Amino acid sequence: MGKLIVVPTPVGNLEDITLRALNVLKTCERILAEDTRTSGVLLKHFGIETPMQSHHKFNEHQTAQSIAQRLKTGGDMALISDAGTPAISDPGFLLVRTCLEEGVEVECLPGATAFVPALVESGLPNDRFCFEGFLPQKKGRQTRLKELAEENRTMVFYESPYRVVKTLTQLAGALGGGRRASVSREISKIYAETVRGSLDELIRHFTEQEPKGEFVIVVAGL
């Protein structure tokens, strides 16, 4: 029986990948990739020729069961996303759950994920924190913001450059513009940047400086 191995991939610098991750990608039977074009760049960089198969949010409901069945009779498969650790705001949870329900072993390697560097660099308390990922885009968004107004722990969010100012503005409305926060973008890339200040200060900064890249927002609790 094969095993599903969840393999984190770099969020920025390709050299952040671990030796163990490279070995798994080289020796497994098949790589399940969120986007084979994006992952192809990584594999080519390290000379990995393992066959790839698309596994993303648009097909995972249709393919999870068949992948689990194939693992029962074949070799190991590696699951990767475009960047970071699969299942953390990326496809992966459904396949992991299906494999476990079918008695297939699942192992997740330690490795890159964007929110850990952002949390550490924020300078905000990180002994206790809550990871919120992407806030609901429409339904339930205001309800969640109201609930977070009572949160004592440091809060961590993912956001796109197109919505970062809107999200900061809504957080300020729910938590108060003076709440301490930090915004990190392009983690581990050439133009990596972390900006710290109050929510109001961060809104002004990213209103004046066009947001570019993928963002992690870290906000102090009560």
N, C-alpha and C. Protein backbone atom coordinates (compact mmCIF):
# COMPACT_ATOMS: atom_id res chain seq x y z
N MET A 1 0.84 -1.20 0.00
CA MET A 1 0.00 0.00 0.00
C MET A 1 0.87 1.25 0.00
N GLY A 2 0.47 2.23 -0.78
CA GLY A 2 1.21 3.48 -0.82
C GLY A 2 0.80 4.41 0.31
N LYS A 3 1.52 5.48 0.44
CA LYS A 3 1.28 6.47 1.48
C LYS A 3 1.13 7.84 0.82
N LEU A 4 0.23 8.66 1.35
CA LEU A 4 0.12 10.05 0.89
C LEU A 4 1.07 10.89 1.72
N ILE A 5 2.00 11.57 1.06
CA ILE A 5 2.97 12.41 1.76
C ILE A 5 2.71 13.87 1.39
N VAL A 6 2.32 14.66 2.37
CA VAL A 6 2.05 16.07 2.16
C VAL A 6 3.38 16.82 2.25
N VAL A 7 3.74 17.49 1.16
CA VAL A 7 5.07 18.10 1.05
C VAL A 7 4.96 19.63 0.92
N PRO A 8 5.42 20.38 1.91
CA PRO A 8 5.45 21.84 1.79
C PRO A 8 6.47 22.26 0.73
N THR A 9 6.13 23.28 -0.03
CA THR A 9 7.04 23.84 -1.02
C THR A 9 7.30 25.31 -0.71
N PRO A 10 8.39 25.88 -1.22
CA PRO A 10 8.76 27.26 -0.86
C PRO A 10 7.67 28.28 -1.16
N VAL A 11 7.53 29.25 -0.26
CA VAL A 11 6.59 30.36 -0.50
C VAL A 11 7.27 31.49 -1.25
N GLY A 12 8.59 31.42 -1.39
CA GLY A 12 9.33 32.46 -2.10
C GLY A 12 10.59 31.88 -2.72
N ASN A 13 11.68 31.97 -1.98
CA ASN A 13 12.97 31.49 -2.45
C ASN A 13 12.95 29.97 -2.60
N LEU A 14 13.27 29.47 -3.80
CA LEU A 14 13.24 28.03 -4.05
C LEU A 14 14.21 27.26 -3.16
N GLU A 15 15.24 27.93 -2.67
CA GLU A 15 16.23 27.25 -1.82
C GLU A 15 15.68 26.94 -0.43
N ASP A 16 14.47 27.40 -0.13
CA ASP A 16 13.89 27.12 1.18
C ASP A 16 13.37 25.69 1.30
N ILE A 17 13.31 24.95 0.20
CA ILE A 17 12.81 23.58 0.27
C ILE A 17 13.80 22.71 1.05
N THR A 18 13.27 21.69 1.74
CA THR A 18 14.14 20.84 2.54
C THR A 18 14.71 19.68 1.70
N LEU A 19 15.82 19.12 2.15
CA LEU A 19 16.42 17.97 1.48
C LEU A 19 15.46 16.78 1.49
N ARG A 20 14.76 16.64 2.59
CA ARG A 20 13.80 15.52 2.70
C ARG A 20 12.66 15.68 1.70
N ALA A 21 12.18 16.91 1.54
CA ALA A 21 11.10 17.15 0.57
C ALA A 21 11.57 16.82 -0.84
N LEU A 22 12.78 17.23 -1.19
CA LEU A 22 13.32 16.92 -2.51
C LEU A 22 13.42 15.41 -2.73
N ASN A 23 13.86 14.69 -1.71
CA ASN A 23 14.00 13.24 -1.84
C ASN A 23 12.65 12.58 -2.08
N VAL A 24 11.62 13.05 -1.36
CA VAL A 24 10.27 12.49 -1.55
C VAL A 24 9.77 12.77 -2.95
N LEU A 25 9.95 14.00 -3.43
CA LEU A 25 9.48 14.36 -4.76
C LEU A 25 10.20 13.57 -5.86
N LYS A 26 11.44 13.22 -5.61
CA LYS A 26 12.22 12.46 -6.59
C LYS A 26 11.84 10.98 -6.61
N THR A 27 11.46 10.43 -5.47
CA THR A 27 11.29 8.98 -5.37
C THR A 27 9.84 8.51 -5.34
N CYS A 28 8.88 9.41 -5.15
CA CYS A 28 7.49 8.97 -5.10
C CYS A 28 7.00 8.57 -6.50
N GLU A 29 5.89 7.87 -6.54
CA GLU A 29 5.35 7.39 -7.82
C GLU A 29 4.72 8.51 -8.63
N ARG A 30 4.07 9.45 -7.94
CA ARG A 30 3.35 10.53 -8.62
C ARG A 30 3.24 11.74 -7.70
N ILE A 31 3.24 12.93 -8.30
CA ILE A 31 3.09 14.18 -7.55
C ILE A 31 1.73 14.78 -7.88
N LEU A 32 0.92 15.01 -6.87
CA LEU A 32 -0.37 15.66 -7.02
C LEU A 32 -0.14 17.16 -6.82
N ALA A 33 -0.34 17.95 -7.87
CA ALA A 33 0.02 19.37 -7.84
C ALA A 33 -1.20 20.25 -8.04
N GLU A 34 -1.26 21.35 -7.28
CA GLU A 34 -2.36 22.30 -7.43
C GLU A 34 -2.38 22.89 -8.84
N ASP A 35 -1.21 23.27 -9.35
CA ASP A 35 -1.08 23.77 -10.72
C ASP A 35 0.21 23.19 -11.29
N THR A 36 0.09 22.30 -12.25
CA THR A 36 1.27 21.61 -12.77
C THR A 36 2.25 22.57 -13.44
N ARG A 37 1.74 23.70 -13.97
CA ARG A 37 2.65 24.68 -14.60
C ARG A 37 3.51 25.36 -13.54
N THR A 38 2.88 25.78 -12.45
CA THR A 38 3.62 26.42 -11.37
C THR A 38 4.62 25.45 -10.75
N SER A 39 4.16 24.24 -10.45
CA SER A 39 5.04 23.25 -9.82
C SER A 39 6.12 22.79 -10.78
N GLY A 40 5.84 22.87 -12.09
CA GLY A 40 6.84 22.47 -13.08
C GLY A 40 8.10 23.30 -12.99
N VAL A 41 7.96 24.56 -12.62
CA VAL A 41 9.13 25.44 -12.45
C VAL A 41 10.01 24.92 -11.32
N LEU A 42 9.37 24.56 -10.21
CA LEU A 42 10.11 24.03 -9.05
C LEU A 42 10.81 22.72 -9.41
N LEU A 43 10.07 21.82 -10.02
CA LEU A 43 10.64 20.51 -10.34
C LEU A 43 11.79 20.62 -11.35
N LYS A 44 11.62 21.47 -12.33
CA LYS A 44 12.69 21.66 -13.32
C LYS A 44 13.94 22.24 -12.67
N HIS A 45 13.75 23.17 -11.73
CA HIS A 45 14.88 23.80 -11.03
C HIS A 45 15.74 22.75 -10.33
N PHE A 46 15.09 21.71 -9.79
CA PHE A 46 15.83 20.69 -9.04
C PHE A 46 16.00 19.39 -9.83
N GLY A 47 15.68 19.41 -11.12
CA GLY A 47 15.90 18.24 -11.96
C GLY A 47 15.04 17.05 -11.60
N ILE A 48 13.82 17.30 -11.16
CA ILE A 48 12.90 16.23 -10.76
C ILE A 48 11.97 15.91 -11.93
N GLU A 49 11.89 14.63 -12.29
CA GLU A 49 11.11 14.22 -13.45
C GLU A 49 9.92 13.33 -13.09
N THR A 50 9.54 13.30 -11.84
CA THR A 50 8.40 12.50 -11.40
C THR A 50 7.11 12.98 -12.09
N PRO A 51 6.27 12.07 -12.59
CA PRO A 51 5.02 12.48 -13.23
C PRO A 51 4.12 13.28 -12.28
N MET A 52 3.43 14.26 -12.84
CA MET A 52 2.51 15.08 -12.06
C MET A 52 1.07 14.83 -12.49
N GLN A 53 0.16 15.09 -11.54
CA GLN A 53 -1.28 15.02 -11.80
C GLN A 53 -1.93 16.22 -11.14
N SER A 54 -2.87 16.86 -11.82
CA SER A 54 -3.54 18.03 -11.26
C SER A 54 -4.45 17.62 -10.10
N HIS A 55 -4.34 18.33 -9.00
CA HIS A 55 -5.25 18.13 -7.86
C HIS A 55 -5.50 19.51 -7.24
N HIS A 56 -6.65 20.08 -7.52
CA HIS A 56 -6.95 21.44 -7.07
C HIS A 56 -8.39 21.54 -6.57
N LYS A 57 -8.76 22.72 -6.12
CA LYS A 57 -10.07 22.89 -5.48
C LYS A 57 -11.24 22.63 -6.42
N PHE A 58 -10.99 22.69 -7.73
CA PHE A 58 -12.08 22.49 -8.68
C PHE A 58 -12.31 21.02 -9.03
N ASN A 59 -11.35 20.15 -8.71
CA ASN A 59 -11.55 18.74 -9.04
C ASN A 59 -11.38 17.80 -7.85
N GLU A 60 -11.00 18.32 -6.68
CA GLU A 60 -10.67 17.43 -5.57
C GLU A 60 -11.85 16.60 -5.10
N HIS A 61 -13.07 17.12 -5.21
CA HIS A 61 -14.24 16.34 -4.80
C HIS A 61 -14.44 15.13 -5.72
N GLN A 62 -14.04 15.28 -6.98
CA GLN A 62 -14.21 14.19 -7.94
C GLN A 62 -13.06 13.18 -7.91
N THR A 63 -11.87 13.63 -7.49
CA THR A 63 -10.68 12.78 -7.62
C THR A 63 -10.18 12.18 -6.30
N ALA A 64 -10.61 12.71 -5.17
CA ALA A 64 -10.06 12.26 -3.88
C ALA A 64 -10.25 10.76 -3.67
N GLN A 65 -11.44 10.26 -3.97
CA GLN A 65 -11.72 8.84 -3.74
C GLN A 65 -10.88 7.95 -4.64
N SER A 66 -10.74 8.34 -5.91
CA SER A 66 -9.97 7.51 -6.83
C SER A 66 -8.48 7.52 -6.48
N ILE A 67 -7.98 8.65 -6.00
CA ILE A 67 -6.59 8.72 -5.57
C ILE A 67 -6.36 7.82 -4.37
N ALA A 68 -7.29 7.85 -3.41
CA ALA A 68 -7.17 7.01 -2.22
C ALA A 68 -7.15 5.53 -2.62
N GLN A 69 -8.00 5.16 -3.57
CA GLN A 69 -8.05 3.77 -4.01
C GLN A 69 -6.75 3.37 -4.72
N ARG A 70 -6.21 4.29 -5.49
CA ARG A 70 -4.95 4.00 -6.19
C ARG A 70 -3.80 3.83 -5.19
N LEU A 71 -3.82 4.63 -4.12
CA LEU A 71 -2.78 4.50 -3.10
C LEU A 71 -2.84 3.14 -2.42
N LYS A 72 -4.02 2.56 -2.36
CA LYS A 72 -4.15 1.24 -1.72
C LYS A 72 -3.40 0.15 -2.47
N THR A 73 -3.24 0.35 -3.76
CA THR A 73 -2.63 -0.71 -4.57
C THR A 73 -1.31 -0.29 -5.23
N GLY A 74 -0.90 0.95 -5.01
CA GLY A 74 0.30 1.45 -5.68
C GLY A 74 1.34 1.96 -4.71
N GLY A 75 2.22 2.85 -5.25
CA GLY A 75 3.29 3.42 -4.43
C GLY A 75 2.88 4.74 -3.81
N ASP A 76 3.84 5.38 -3.16
CA ASP A 76 3.59 6.65 -2.48
C ASP A 76 3.29 7.77 -3.48
N MET A 77 2.45 8.72 -3.04
CA MET A 77 2.19 9.93 -3.80
C MET A 77 2.49 11.13 -2.93
N ALA A 78 3.00 12.17 -3.55
CA ALA A 78 3.27 13.42 -2.84
C ALA A 78 2.21 14.44 -3.22
N LEU A 79 1.71 15.18 -2.25
CA LEU A 79 0.74 16.24 -2.47
C LEU A 79 1.42 17.58 -2.24
N ILE A 80 1.40 18.45 -3.25
CA ILE A 80 1.99 19.78 -3.11
C ILE A 80 0.98 20.83 -3.57
N SER A 81 1.14 22.05 -3.06
CA SER A 81 0.35 23.18 -3.54
C SER A 81 1.30 24.13 -4.27
N ASP A 82 0.77 25.23 -4.77
CA ASP A 82 1.62 26.18 -5.49
C ASP A 82 2.74 26.71 -4.59
N ALA A 83 2.44 26.88 -3.31
CA ALA A 83 3.44 27.38 -2.36
C ALA A 83 2.95 27.11 -0.95
N GLY A 84 3.88 26.76 -0.06
CA GLY A 84 3.52 26.52 1.33
C GLY A 84 3.07 25.10 1.59
N THR A 85 2.34 24.92 2.68
CA THR A 85 1.90 23.60 3.10
C THR A 85 0.48 23.33 2.61
N PRO A 86 0.26 22.27 1.84
CA PRO A 86 -1.08 21.93 1.38
C PRO A 86 -2.06 21.81 2.55
N ALA A 87 -3.30 22.17 2.30
CA ALA A 87 -4.41 22.13 3.27
C ALA A 87 -4.44 23.36 4.17
N ILE A 88 -3.39 24.18 4.18
CA ILE A 88 -3.42 25.44 4.93
C ILE A 88 -3.82 26.55 3.95
N SER A 89 -5.12 26.83 3.88
CA SER A 89 -5.69 27.77 2.90
C SER A 89 -5.37 27.36 1.47
N ASP A 90 -5.18 26.08 1.25
CA ASP A 90 -4.93 25.50 -0.07
C ASP A 90 -5.61 24.14 -0.11
N PRO A 91 -5.80 23.57 -1.31
CA PRO A 91 -6.39 22.23 -1.39
C PRO A 91 -5.55 21.22 -0.63
N GLY A 92 -6.20 20.21 -0.09
CA GLY A 92 -5.48 19.16 0.61
C GLY A 92 -6.28 18.47 1.70
N PHE A 93 -7.07 19.24 2.43
CA PHE A 93 -7.81 18.66 3.56
C PHE A 93 -8.71 17.51 3.12
N LEU A 94 -9.45 17.71 2.04
CA LEU A 94 -10.40 16.69 1.59
C LEU A 94 -9.69 15.38 1.25
N LEU A 95 -8.55 15.48 0.57
CA LEU A 95 -7.80 14.27 0.20
C LEU A 95 -7.23 13.59 1.43
N VAL A 96 -6.69 14.37 2.36
CA VAL A 96 -6.15 13.80 3.60
C VAL A 96 -7.24 13.04 4.35
N ARG A 97 -8.41 13.67 4.48
CA ARG A 97 -9.52 13.03 5.20
C ARG A 97 -9.98 11.76 4.49
N THR A 98 -10.09 11.82 3.17
CA THR A 98 -10.53 10.65 2.41
C THR A 98 -9.54 9.50 2.56
N CYS A 99 -8.25 9.80 2.48
CA CYS A 99 -7.23 8.75 2.64
C CYS A 99 -7.31 8.11 4.02
N LEU A 100 -7.47 8.91 5.05
CA LEU A 100 -7.54 8.36 6.41
C LEU A 100 -8.79 7.51 6.58
N GLU A 101 -9.91 7.95 5.99
CA GLU A 101 -11.14 7.16 6.06
C GLU A 101 -10.99 5.82 5.35
N GLU A 102 -10.14 5.78 4.32
CA GLU A 102 -9.93 4.55 3.55
C GLU A 102 -8.77 3.72 4.09
N GLY A 103 -8.20 4.14 5.20
CA GLY A 103 -7.12 3.37 5.81
C GLY A 103 -5.77 3.57 5.18
N VAL A 104 -5.61 4.65 4.41
CA VAL A 104 -4.34 4.97 3.77
C VAL A 104 -3.52 5.87 4.70
N GLU A 105 -2.26 5.54 4.90
CA GLU A 105 -1.41 6.33 5.78
C GLU A 105 -1.13 7.71 5.18
N VAL A 106 -1.14 8.72 6.03
CA VAL A 106 -0.84 10.10 5.61
C VAL A 106 0.28 10.64 6.48
N GLU A 107 1.27 11.24 5.85
CA GLU A 107 2.38 11.87 6.57
C GLU A 107 2.58 13.27 6.02
N CYS A 108 2.72 14.24 6.90
CA CYS A 108 2.98 15.62 6.49
C CYS A 108 4.39 16.01 6.91
N LEU A 109 5.21 16.41 5.94
CA LEU A 109 6.57 16.85 6.25
C LEU A 109 6.54 18.26 6.83
N PRO A 110 7.46 18.60 7.72
CA PRO A 110 7.58 19.98 8.18
C PRO A 110 8.17 20.83 7.07
N GLY A 111 7.80 22.09 7.04
CA GLY A 111 8.35 22.96 6.00
C GLY A 111 7.65 24.29 5.91
N ALA A 112 7.77 24.91 4.77
CA ALA A 112 7.35 26.31 4.60
C ALA A 112 5.85 26.51 4.77
N THR A 113 5.51 27.59 5.44
CA THR A 113 4.15 28.12 5.47
C THR A 113 4.28 29.61 5.75
N ALA A 114 3.47 30.41 5.07
CA ALA A 114 3.70 31.86 5.08
C ALA A 114 3.44 32.52 6.43
N PHE A 115 2.48 32.00 7.20
CA PHE A 115 2.08 32.77 8.38
C PHE A 115 3.09 32.73 9.51
N VAL A 116 3.92 31.70 9.58
CA VAL A 116 4.87 31.61 10.70
C VAL A 116 5.92 32.73 10.64
N PRO A 117 6.61 32.94 9.51
CA PRO A 117 7.55 34.08 9.46
C PRO A 117 6.86 35.41 9.71
N ALA A 118 5.66 35.59 9.16
CA ALA A 118 4.95 36.85 9.35
C ALA A 118 4.61 37.08 10.82
N LEU A 119 4.19 36.04 11.51
CA LEU A 119 3.85 36.14 12.93
C LEU A 119 5.08 36.48 13.75
N VAL A 120 6.17 35.81 13.49
CA VAL A 120 7.40 36.07 14.25
C VAL A 120 7.92 37.48 13.99
N GLU A 121 7.91 37.91 12.72
CA GLU A 121 8.42 39.23 12.35
C GLU A 121 7.53 40.37 12.84
N SER A 122 6.29 40.07 13.18
CA SER A 122 5.35 41.14 13.56
C SER A 122 5.74 41.82 14.86
N GLY A 123 6.41 41.09 15.73
CA GLY A 123 6.72 41.65 17.04
C GLY A 123 5.55 41.60 18.00
N LEU A 124 4.43 41.03 17.56
CA LEU A 124 3.25 40.89 18.42
C LEU A 124 3.33 39.57 19.19
N PRO A 125 2.62 39.44 20.30
CA PRO A 125 2.68 38.21 21.09
C PRO A 125 2.36 36.98 20.24
N ASN A 126 3.21 35.95 20.32
CA ASN A 126 2.97 34.76 19.52
C ASN A 126 2.97 33.48 20.35
N ASP A 127 2.85 33.63 21.66
CA ASP A 127 2.74 32.45 22.51
C ASP A 127 1.38 31.79 22.34
N ARG A 128 0.37 32.61 22.02
CA ARG A 128 -0.96 32.11 21.72
C ARG A 128 -1.49 32.93 20.54
N PHE A 129 -1.99 32.27 19.52
CA PHE A 129 -2.51 33.00 18.37
C PHE A 129 -3.59 32.17 17.69
N CYS A 130 -4.40 32.81 16.86
CA CYS A 130 -5.39 32.09 16.07
C CYS A 130 -5.17 32.39 14.59
N PHE A 131 -5.17 31.33 13.80
CA PHE A 131 -4.98 31.47 12.36
C PHE A 131 -6.35 31.49 11.69
N GLU A 132 -6.68 32.61 11.05
CA GLU A 132 -7.99 32.76 10.43
C GLU A 132 -7.96 32.51 8.93
N GLY A 133 -6.78 32.48 8.32
CA GLY A 133 -6.71 32.31 6.88
C GLY A 133 -7.40 33.47 6.17
N PHE A 134 -8.13 33.18 5.09
CA PHE A 134 -8.89 34.21 4.38
C PHE A 134 -10.25 34.39 5.06
N LEU A 135 -10.60 35.61 5.36
CA LEU A 135 -11.93 35.89 5.89
C LEU A 135 -12.98 35.55 4.82
N PRO A 136 -14.20 35.18 5.23
CA PRO A 136 -15.25 34.96 4.23
C PRO A 136 -15.40 36.20 3.35
N GLN A 137 -15.52 36.01 2.05
CA GLN A 137 -15.59 37.16 1.15
C GLN A 137 -16.92 37.90 1.26
N LYS A 138 -18.00 37.16 1.47
CA LYS A 138 -19.32 37.80 1.54
C LYS A 138 -20.10 37.29 2.75
N LYS A 139 -20.78 36.18 2.58
CA LYS A 139 -21.61 35.65 3.65
C LYS A 139 -20.79 35.31 4.88
N GLY A 140 -21.19 35.86 6.01
CA GLY A 140 -20.54 35.56 7.27
C GLY A 140 -19.35 36.44 7.61
N ARG A 141 -18.97 37.33 6.71
CA ARG A 141 -17.77 38.16 6.94
C ARG A 141 -17.97 39.10 8.12
N GLN A 142 -19.08 39.85 8.13
CA GLN A 142 -19.32 40.80 9.21
C GLN A 142 -19.51 40.09 10.54
N THR A 143 -20.17 38.94 10.49
CA THR A 143 -20.36 38.16 11.72
C THR A 143 -19.02 37.73 12.30
N ARG A 144 -18.12 37.28 11.43
CA ARG A 144 -16.80 36.84 11.90
C ARG A 144 -16.01 38.01 12.47
N LEU A 145 -16.09 39.17 11.82
CA LEU A 145 -15.37 40.35 12.32
C LEU A 145 -15.87 40.74 13.71
N LYS A 146 -17.17 40.66 13.93
CA LYS A 146 -17.73 40.98 15.25
C LYS A 146 -17.24 39.99 16.30
N GLU A 147 -17.15 38.73 15.92
CA GLU A 147 -16.65 37.71 16.86
C GLU A 147 -15.18 37.96 17.20
N LEU A 148 -14.40 38.38 16.21
CA LEU A 148 -12.97 38.61 16.43
C LEU A 148 -12.71 39.83 17.31
N ALA A 149 -13.70 40.72 17.43
CA ALA A 149 -13.54 41.89 18.29
C ALA A 149 -13.34 41.48 19.76
N GLU A 150 -13.74 40.24 20.10
CA GLU A 150 -13.60 39.74 21.47
C GLU A 150 -12.40 38.81 21.62
N GLU A 151 -11.59 38.67 20.56
CA GLU A 151 -10.47 37.72 20.58
C GLU A 151 -9.28 38.28 21.36
N ASN A 152 -8.78 37.49 22.31
CA ASN A 152 -7.63 37.91 23.12
C ASN A 152 -6.30 37.55 22.48
N ARG A 153 -6.31 36.56 21.61
CA ARG A 153 -5.06 36.09 21.01
C ARG A 153 -4.69 36.93 19.78
N THR A 154 -3.42 36.91 19.42
CA THR A 154 -2.99 37.53 18.17
C THR A 154 -3.66 36.79 17.01
N MET A 155 -4.13 37.56 16.03
CA MET A 155 -4.89 37.00 14.89
C MET A 155 -4.06 37.09 13.61
N VAL A 156 -4.15 36.05 12.81
CA VAL A 156 -3.38 35.98 11.57
C VAL A 156 -4.33 35.74 10.39
N PHE A 157 -4.18 36.56 9.34
CA PHE A 157 -5.05 36.48 8.17
C PHE A 157 -4.21 36.42 6.90
N TYR A 158 -4.73 35.75 5.88
CA TYR A 158 -4.17 35.83 4.53
C TYR A 158 -5.04 36.78 3.72
N GLU A 159 -4.41 37.50 2.78
CA GLU A 159 -5.19 38.39 1.92
C GLU A 159 -4.48 38.62 0.60
N SER A 160 -5.28 38.92 -0.43
CA SER A 160 -4.73 39.23 -1.75
C SER A 160 -4.43 40.72 -1.83
N PRO A 161 -3.57 41.15 -2.77
CA PRO A 161 -3.26 42.58 -2.88
C PRO A 161 -4.48 43.42 -3.25
N TYR A 162 -5.48 42.79 -3.87
CA TYR A 162 -6.65 43.54 -4.33
C TYR A 162 -7.63 43.86 -3.19
N ARG A 163 -7.52 43.12 -2.09
CA ARG A 163 -8.48 43.33 -0.99
C ARG A 163 -7.81 43.74 0.32
N VAL A 164 -6.48 43.93 0.31
CA VAL A 164 -5.79 44.16 1.58
C VAL A 164 -6.24 45.46 2.25
N VAL A 165 -6.42 46.54 1.49
CA VAL A 165 -6.85 47.81 2.09
C VAL A 165 -8.28 47.68 2.62
N LYS A 166 -9.14 47.02 1.85
CA LYS A 166 -10.52 46.80 2.29
C LYS A 166 -10.56 46.01 3.59
N THR A 167 -9.75 44.96 3.65
CA THR A 167 -9.73 44.12 4.85
C THR A 167 -9.17 44.87 6.05
N LEU A 168 -8.10 45.63 5.85
CA LEU A 168 -7.55 46.45 6.94
C LEU A 168 -8.58 47.45 7.44
N THR A 169 -9.32 48.05 6.51
CA THR A 169 -10.35 49.02 6.87
C THR A 169 -11.47 48.38 7.68
N GLN A 170 -11.89 47.18 7.28
CA GLN A 170 -12.94 46.48 8.00
C GLN A 170 -12.46 46.01 9.37
N LEU A 171 -11.19 45.61 9.45
CA LEU A 171 -10.63 45.23 10.75
C LEU A 171 -10.57 46.43 11.67
N ALA A 172 -10.21 47.58 11.13
CA ALA A 172 -10.18 48.81 11.94
C ALA A 172 -11.57 49.16 12.43
N GLY A 173 -12.56 48.97 11.58
CA GLY A 173 -13.94 49.25 11.98
C GLY A 173 -14.41 48.33 13.09
N ALA A 174 -13.98 47.08 13.05
CA ALA A 174 -14.43 46.11 14.04
C ALA A 174 -13.60 46.13 15.32
N LEU A 175 -12.29 46.40 15.18
CA LEU A 175 -11.37 46.28 16.32
C LEU A 175 -10.87 47.62 16.84
N GLY A 176 -11.05 48.67 16.03
CA GLY A 176 -10.52 49.99 16.39
C GLY A 176 -9.28 50.30 15.59
N GLY A 177 -9.20 51.52 15.06
CA GLY A 177 -8.08 51.90 14.20
C GLY A 177 -6.75 51.96 14.90
N GLY A 178 -6.77 52.02 16.23
CA GLY A 178 -5.52 52.10 16.98
C GLY A 178 -4.92 50.75 17.31
N ARG A 179 -5.60 49.67 16.94
CA ARG A 179 -5.11 48.32 17.25
C ARG A 179 -3.78 48.07 16.54
N ARG A 180 -2.80 47.53 17.27
CA ARG A 180 -1.49 47.25 16.70
C ARG A 180 -1.58 46.10 15.70
N ALA A 181 -0.83 46.23 14.63
CA ALA A 181 -0.88 45.21 13.58
C ALA A 181 0.41 45.21 12.79
N SER A 182 0.53 44.22 11.92
CA SER A 182 1.71 44.08 11.07
C SER A 182 1.24 43.47 9.75
N VAL A 183 1.83 43.93 8.65
CA VAL A 183 1.50 43.38 7.35
C VAL A 183 2.79 42.95 6.66
N SER A 184 2.86 41.66 6.30
CA SER A 184 4.03 41.14 5.59
C SER A 184 3.59 40.74 4.18
N ARG A 185 4.47 41.02 3.22
CA ARG A 185 4.16 40.64 1.84
C ARG A 185 5.40 40.02 1.18
N GLU A 186 5.15 39.20 0.18
CA GLU A 186 6.23 38.60 -0.61
C GLU A 186 7.27 37.90 0.29
N ILE A 187 6.78 37.15 1.26
CA ILE A 187 7.67 36.48 2.21
C ILE A 187 8.69 35.60 1.48
N SER A 188 9.94 35.75 1.85
CA SER A 188 11.07 34.97 1.33
C SER A 188 11.41 35.29 -0.12
N LYS A 189 10.86 36.38 -0.66
CA LYS A 189 11.18 36.79 -2.03
C LYS A 189 12.06 38.04 -2.00
N ILE A 190 12.50 38.48 -3.16
CA ILE A 190 13.43 39.60 -3.25
C ILE A 190 12.85 40.86 -2.62
N TYR A 191 11.55 41.11 -2.86
CA TYR A 191 10.94 42.35 -2.37
C TYR A 191 10.12 42.13 -1.10
N ALA A 192 10.54 41.18 -0.29
CA ALA A 192 9.85 40.92 0.98
C ALA A 192 9.84 42.18 1.84
N GLU A 193 8.72 42.41 2.50
CA GLU A 193 8.57 43.63 3.30
C GLU A 193 7.60 43.36 4.45
N THR A 194 7.91 43.90 5.61
CA THR A 194 6.99 43.87 6.75
C THR A 194 6.80 45.29 7.25
N VAL A 195 5.56 45.72 7.33
CA VAL A 195 5.22 47.07 7.80
C VAL A 195 4.43 46.93 9.09
N ARG A 196 4.83 47.64 10.12
CA ARG A 196 4.18 47.55 11.43
C ARG A 196 3.60 48.89 11.82
N GLY A 197 2.54 48.86 12.62
CA GLY A 197 1.92 50.09 13.08
C GLY A 197 0.50 49.83 13.52
N SER A 198 -0.27 50.89 13.68
CA SER A 198 -1.69 50.71 13.99
C SER A 198 -2.42 50.36 12.69
N LEU A 199 -3.64 49.86 12.81
CA LEU A 199 -4.42 49.56 11.62
C LEU A 199 -4.63 50.81 10.77
N ASP A 200 -4.89 51.95 11.42
CA ASP A 200 -5.05 53.20 10.67
C ASP A 200 -3.78 53.56 9.90
N GLU A 201 -2.63 53.39 10.54
CA GLU A 201 -1.36 53.70 9.87
C GLU A 201 -1.12 52.77 8.69
N LEU A 202 -1.47 51.51 8.85
CA LEU A 202 -1.27 50.56 7.77
C LEU A 202 -2.22 50.83 6.60
N ILE A 203 -3.43 51.26 6.91
CA ILE A 203 -4.38 51.64 5.85
C ILE A 203 -3.81 52.80 5.03
N ARG A 204 -3.27 53.79 5.72
CA ARG A 204 -2.69 54.93 5.00
C ARG A 204 -1.50 54.51 4.16
N HIS A 205 -0.66 53.65 4.72
CA HIS A 205 0.53 53.20 3.99
C HIS A 205 0.16 52.50 2.70
N PHE A 206 -0.77 51.55 2.77
CA PHE A 206 -1.09 50.77 1.58
C PHE A 206 -2.10 51.46 0.66
N THR A 207 -2.65 52.57 1.13
CA THR A 207 -3.43 53.42 0.23
C THR A 207 -2.48 54.24 -0.63
N GLU A 208 -1.38 54.67 -0.02
CA GLU A 208 -0.39 55.48 -0.74
C GLU A 208 0.56 54.60 -1.56
N GLN A 209 0.88 53.40 -1.06
CA GLN A 209 1.77 52.47 -1.75
C GLN A 209 0.93 51.31 -2.30
N GLU A 210 0.86 51.18 -3.61
CA GLU A 210 0.01 50.15 -4.21
C GLU A 210 0.41 48.76 -3.70
N PRO A 211 -0.55 48.02 -3.13
CA PRO A 211 -0.24 46.69 -2.63
C PRO A 211 0.13 45.73 -3.76
N LYS A 212 1.24 45.03 -3.59
CA LYS A 212 1.67 44.05 -4.57
C LYS A 212 2.15 42.80 -3.85
N GLY A 213 1.82 41.63 -4.40
CA GLY A 213 2.25 40.38 -3.81
C GLY A 213 1.18 39.77 -2.94
N GLU A 214 1.51 38.66 -2.29
CA GLU A 214 0.60 37.99 -1.38
C GLU A 214 0.86 38.49 0.03
N PHE A 215 -0.22 38.68 0.81
CA PHE A 215 -0.12 39.34 2.11
C PHE A 215 -0.51 38.45 3.28
N VAL A 216 0.18 38.68 4.41
CA VAL A 216 -0.22 38.12 5.69
C VAL A 216 -0.42 39.28 6.65
N ILE A 217 -1.62 39.36 7.22
CA ILE A 217 -1.95 40.42 8.17
C ILE A 217 -1.96 39.82 9.57
N VAL A 218 -1.22 40.44 10.47
CA VAL A 218 -1.17 39.98 11.87
C VAL A 218 -1.69 41.11 12.75
N VAL A 219 -2.68 40.80 13.59
CA VAL A 219 -3.34 41.84 14.39
C VAL A 219 -3.33 41.42 15.86
N ALA A 220 -2.99 42.36 16.72
CA ALA A 220 -2.96 42.09 18.17
C ALA A 220 -4.36 41.78 18.68
N GLY A 221 -4.44 40.93 19.70
CA GLY A 221 -5.71 40.67 20.36
C GLY A 221 -6.01 41.75 21.38
N LEU A 222 -7.08 41.56 22.11
CA LEU A 222 -7.44 42.54 23.13
C LEU A 222 -6.36 42.68 24.20
